């Protein structure tokens, strides 16, 4: 589970301006962090099918945000991919 402090740290790292919590960059960063934590959980609990379904939903959401960024702002998209260490 992502704590409030961890989420705020992720937001501060990627926000466009002070108070920005809804930009695609911030949303992708927060989703990526949640995906990482859920992946670790699923490595330990292989039979947890409900969490696996949640993970697939998070991955789909992140993919949609990344697709939006790629179509509208390629420079920001490529910078975010490098910053988060995602494959593309």
N, C-alpha and C. Protein backbone atom coordinates (compact mmCIF):
# COMPACT_ATOMS: atom_id res chain seq x y z
N UNK A 1 0.85 -1.18 0.00
CA UNK A 1 0.00 0.00 0.00
C UNK A 1 0.89 1.24 0.00
N UNK A 2 0.61 2.15 -0.87
CA UNK A 2 1.37 3.39 -0.99
C UNK A 2 0.92 4.36 0.10
N UNK A 3 1.88 4.78 0.94
CA UNK A 3 1.52 5.70 2.02
C UNK A 3 1.39 7.12 1.48
N UNK A 4 0.80 7.97 2.27
CA UNK A 4 0.58 9.35 1.87
C UNK A 4 1.91 10.06 1.61
N UNK A 5 2.88 9.81 2.45
CA UNK A 5 4.19 10.46 2.31
C UNK A 5 4.90 9.99 1.03
N UNK A 6 4.81 8.70 0.74
CA UNK A 6 5.44 8.17 -0.48
C UNK A 6 4.78 8.77 -1.72
N UNK A 7 3.48 8.89 -1.68
CA UNK A 7 2.75 9.46 -2.81
C UNK A 7 3.13 10.93 -3.00
N UNK A 8 3.25 11.67 -1.92
CA UNK A 8 3.64 13.07 -2.01
C UNK A 8 5.05 13.22 -2.57
N UNK A 9 5.95 12.32 -2.21
CA UNK A 9 7.31 12.36 -2.74
C UNK A 9 7.31 12.11 -4.25
N UNK A 10 6.53 11.15 -4.70
CA UNK A 10 6.43 10.88 -6.14
C UNK A 10 5.87 12.09 -6.88
N UNK A 11 4.89 12.73 -6.29
CA UNK A 11 4.28 13.91 -6.91
C UNK A 11 5.30 15.04 -7.00
N UNK A 12 6.05 15.27 -5.94
CA UNK A 12 7.05 16.36 -5.94
C UNK A 12 8.12 16.14 -6.99
N UNK A 13 8.49 14.89 -7.24
CA UNK A 13 9.53 14.59 -8.21
C UNK A 13 9.11 14.92 -9.64
N UNK A 14 7.82 14.79 -9.95
CA UNK A 14 7.41 14.88 -11.34
C UNK A 14 6.43 16.01 -11.65
N UNK A 15 6.03 16.81 -10.68
CA UNK A 15 5.03 17.83 -10.94
C UNK A 15 5.58 18.94 -11.84
N UNK A 16 4.69 19.52 -12.64
CA UNK A 16 5.06 20.60 -13.56
C UNK A 16 5.25 21.91 -12.81
N UNK A 17 4.39 22.17 -11.85
CA UNK A 17 4.44 23.39 -11.05
C UNK A 17 3.96 23.08 -9.65
N UNK A 18 4.10 24.02 -8.75
CA UNK A 18 3.68 23.82 -7.36
C UNK A 18 2.18 23.56 -7.30
N UNK A 19 1.79 22.51 -6.63
CA UNK A 19 0.38 22.18 -6.49
C UNK A 19 -0.17 21.29 -7.60
N UNK A 20 0.67 20.88 -8.52
CA UNK A 20 0.24 20.03 -9.63
C UNK A 20 0.13 18.59 -9.16
N UNK A 21 -1.08 18.04 -9.19
CA UNK A 21 -1.27 16.64 -8.80
C UNK A 21 -1.99 15.83 -9.87
N UNK A 22 -2.44 16.47 -10.95
CA UNK A 22 -3.25 15.77 -11.93
C UNK A 22 -2.68 15.65 -13.31
N UNK A 23 -1.49 16.18 -13.54
CA UNK A 23 -0.92 16.10 -14.88
C UNK A 23 -0.59 14.64 -15.21
N UNK A 24 -0.55 14.31 -16.49
CA UNK A 24 -0.26 12.92 -16.87
C UNK A 24 1.07 12.41 -16.32
N UNK A 25 2.07 13.28 -16.24
CA UNK A 25 3.37 12.87 -15.73
C UNK A 25 3.26 12.40 -14.28
N UNK A 26 2.54 13.16 -13.48
CA UNK A 26 2.36 12.82 -12.06
C UNK A 26 1.57 11.52 -11.92
N UNK A 27 0.53 11.39 -12.71
CA UNK A 27 -0.30 10.20 -12.62
C UNK A 27 0.48 8.95 -13.01
N UNK A 28 1.31 9.05 -14.05
CA UNK A 28 2.12 7.91 -14.47
C UNK A 28 3.13 7.56 -13.38
N UNK A 29 3.73 8.56 -12.75
CA UNK A 29 4.71 8.30 -11.69
C UNK A 29 4.06 7.59 -10.50
N UNK A 30 2.89 8.04 -10.08
CA UNK A 30 2.20 7.43 -8.95
C UNK A 30 1.75 6.01 -9.30
N UNK A 31 1.22 5.84 -10.51
CA UNK A 31 0.81 4.50 -10.94
C UNK A 31 2.00 3.55 -11.00
N UNK A 32 3.14 4.05 -11.47
CA UNK A 32 4.33 3.21 -11.57
C UNK A 32 4.77 2.74 -10.20
N UNK A 33 4.71 3.64 -9.23
CA UNK A 33 5.10 3.28 -7.87
C UNK A 33 4.15 2.22 -7.29
N UNK A 34 2.84 2.39 -7.54
CA UNK A 34 1.86 1.41 -7.05
C UNK A 34 2.07 0.06 -7.73
N UNK A 35 2.40 0.09 -9.02
CA UNK A 35 2.64 -1.15 -9.77
C UNK A 35 3.85 -1.88 -9.20
N UNK A 36 4.91 -1.14 -8.90
CA UNK A 36 6.11 -1.76 -8.32
C UNK A 36 5.78 -2.45 -6.99
N UNK A 37 5.06 -1.76 -6.13
CA UNK A 37 4.73 -2.33 -4.82
C UNK A 37 3.82 -3.55 -4.95
N UNK A 38 2.87 -3.49 -5.86
CA UNK A 38 1.96 -4.61 -6.04
C UNK A 38 2.69 -5.80 -6.67
N UNK A 39 3.66 -5.54 -7.52
CA UNK A 39 4.45 -6.62 -8.12
C UNK A 39 5.24 -7.37 -7.05
N UNK A 40 5.81 -6.63 -6.11
CA UNK A 40 6.54 -7.26 -5.00
C UNK A 40 5.59 -8.13 -4.18
N UNK A 41 4.39 -7.61 -3.92
CA UNK A 41 3.40 -8.37 -3.16
C UNK A 41 3.04 -9.67 -3.89
N UNK A 42 2.88 -9.58 -5.21
CA UNK A 42 2.48 -10.76 -5.97
C UNK A 42 3.60 -11.78 -6.11
N UNK A 43 4.86 -11.34 -5.99
CA UNK A 43 5.97 -12.29 -5.99
C UNK A 43 5.89 -13.19 -4.74
N UNK A 44 5.47 -12.61 -3.63
CA UNK A 44 5.37 -13.37 -2.39
C UNK A 44 4.06 -14.16 -2.30
N UNK A 45 2.99 -13.64 -2.89
CA UNK A 45 1.66 -14.24 -2.79
C UNK A 45 1.14 -14.58 -4.18
N UNK A 46 1.63 -15.66 -4.72
CA UNK A 46 1.33 -16.03 -6.10
C UNK A 46 -0.15 -16.34 -6.35
N UNK A 47 -0.86 -16.78 -5.35
CA UNK A 47 -2.25 -17.18 -5.55
C UNK A 47 -3.26 -16.05 -5.32
N UNK A 48 -2.79 -14.84 -5.11
CA UNK A 48 -3.66 -13.70 -4.86
C UNK A 48 -4.21 -13.16 -6.19
N UNK A 49 -5.26 -13.78 -6.66
CA UNK A 49 -5.84 -13.44 -7.97
C UNK A 49 -6.50 -12.07 -7.97
N UNK A 50 -7.05 -11.65 -6.86
CA UNK A 50 -7.72 -10.35 -6.81
C UNK A 50 -6.73 -9.21 -6.96
N UNK A 51 -5.58 -9.33 -6.32
CA UNK A 51 -4.56 -8.30 -6.46
C UNK A 51 -3.96 -8.31 -7.87
N UNK A 52 -3.87 -9.49 -8.47
CA UNK A 52 -3.36 -9.58 -9.84
C UNK A 52 -4.27 -8.84 -10.81
N UNK A 53 -5.58 -8.95 -10.59
CA UNK A 53 -6.54 -8.25 -11.44
C UNK A 53 -6.39 -6.73 -11.24
N UNK A 54 -6.18 -6.31 -10.02
CA UNK A 54 -5.95 -4.89 -9.75
C UNK A 54 -4.69 -4.39 -10.42
N UNK A 55 -3.65 -5.22 -10.41
CA UNK A 55 -2.39 -4.86 -11.07
C UNK A 55 -2.61 -4.66 -12.56
N UNK A 56 -3.37 -5.54 -13.19
CA UNK A 56 -3.63 -5.40 -14.62
C UNK A 56 -4.39 -4.11 -14.92
N UNK A 57 -5.29 -3.72 -14.03
CA UNK A 57 -6.01 -2.46 -14.20
C UNK A 57 -5.08 -1.26 -14.10
N UNK A 58 -4.14 -1.30 -13.15
CA UNK A 58 -3.18 -0.21 -12.99
C UNK A 58 -2.27 -0.10 -14.22
N UNK A 59 -1.85 -1.24 -14.73
CA UNK A 59 -0.98 -1.24 -15.91
C UNK A 59 -1.74 -0.65 -17.11
N UNK A 60 -3.01 -1.00 -17.25
CA UNK A 60 -3.83 -0.46 -18.34
C UNK A 60 -3.98 1.05 -18.22
N UNK A 61 -4.22 1.54 -17.00
CA UNK A 61 -4.34 2.98 -16.77
C UNK A 61 -3.05 3.69 -17.13
N UNK A 62 -1.92 3.13 -16.69
CA UNK A 62 -0.63 3.76 -16.99
C UNK A 62 -0.39 3.79 -18.50
N UNK A 63 -0.74 2.71 -19.17
CA UNK A 63 -0.56 2.64 -20.62
C UNK A 63 -1.38 3.72 -21.33
N UNK A 64 -2.61 3.96 -20.85
CA UNK A 64 -3.46 5.00 -21.44
C UNK A 64 -2.85 6.38 -21.26
N UNK A 65 -2.34 6.65 -20.06
CA UNK A 65 -1.72 7.96 -19.81
C UNK A 65 -0.46 8.14 -20.65
N UNK A 66 0.33 7.08 -20.78
CA UNK A 66 1.54 7.17 -21.60
C UNK A 66 1.21 7.37 -23.07
N UNK A 67 0.17 6.73 -23.54
CA UNK A 67 -0.25 6.89 -24.93
C UNK A 67 -0.68 8.33 -25.18
N UNK A 68 -1.42 8.91 -24.24
CA UNK A 68 -1.84 10.30 -24.34
C UNK A 68 -0.63 11.23 -24.42
N UNK A 69 0.33 10.99 -23.54
CA UNK A 69 1.54 11.82 -23.54
C UNK A 69 2.31 11.68 -24.83
N UNK A 70 2.43 10.47 -25.33
CA UNK A 70 3.18 10.22 -26.56
C UNK A 70 2.54 10.94 -27.75
N UNK A 71 1.23 10.97 -27.79
CA UNK A 71 0.54 11.63 -28.89
C UNK A 71 0.61 13.15 -28.80
N UNK A 72 0.59 13.70 -27.58
CA UNK A 72 0.48 15.15 -27.42
C UNK A 72 1.79 15.86 -27.13
N UNK A 73 2.75 15.18 -26.51
CA UNK A 73 4.00 15.85 -26.15
C UNK A 73 5.13 14.82 -26.09
N UNK A 74 5.75 14.56 -27.24
CA UNK A 74 6.77 13.52 -27.34
C UNK A 74 7.99 13.81 -26.46
N UNK A 75 8.35 15.09 -26.33
CA UNK A 75 9.53 15.45 -25.54
C UNK A 75 9.33 15.09 -24.07
N UNK A 76 8.19 15.44 -23.54
CA UNK A 76 7.87 15.13 -22.14
C UNK A 76 7.75 13.62 -21.95
N UNK A 77 7.16 12.95 -22.94
CA UNK A 77 7.00 11.49 -22.89
C UNK A 77 8.35 10.80 -22.79
N UNK A 78 9.28 11.16 -23.66
CA UNK A 78 10.58 10.49 -23.65
C UNK A 78 11.37 10.81 -22.38
N UNK A 79 11.24 12.04 -21.87
CA UNK A 79 11.91 12.40 -20.62
C UNK A 79 11.34 11.60 -19.45
N UNK A 80 10.03 11.41 -19.43
CA UNK A 80 9.39 10.67 -18.34
C UNK A 80 9.77 9.20 -18.38
N UNK A 81 9.84 8.63 -19.57
CA UNK A 81 10.23 7.22 -19.72
C UNK A 81 11.64 7.01 -19.16
N UNK A 82 12.54 7.92 -19.49
CA UNK A 82 13.92 7.81 -18.98
C UNK A 82 13.96 7.99 -17.48
N UNK A 83 13.20 8.97 -16.98
CA UNK A 83 13.21 9.29 -15.55
C UNK A 83 12.70 8.12 -14.71
N UNK A 84 11.65 7.45 -15.20
CA UNK A 84 11.04 6.36 -14.44
C UNK A 84 11.68 5.01 -14.76
N UNK A 85 12.48 4.96 -15.81
CA UNK A 85 13.14 3.70 -16.18
C UNK A 85 12.19 2.70 -16.79
N UNK A 86 11.21 3.17 -17.54
CA UNK A 86 10.25 2.29 -18.19
C UNK A 86 10.76 1.88 -19.57
N UNK A 87 10.29 0.74 -20.05
CA UNK A 87 10.67 0.27 -21.37
C UNK A 87 9.74 0.89 -22.41
N UNK A 88 10.29 1.22 -23.53
CA UNK A 88 9.50 1.68 -24.70
C UNK A 88 10.41 1.86 -25.86
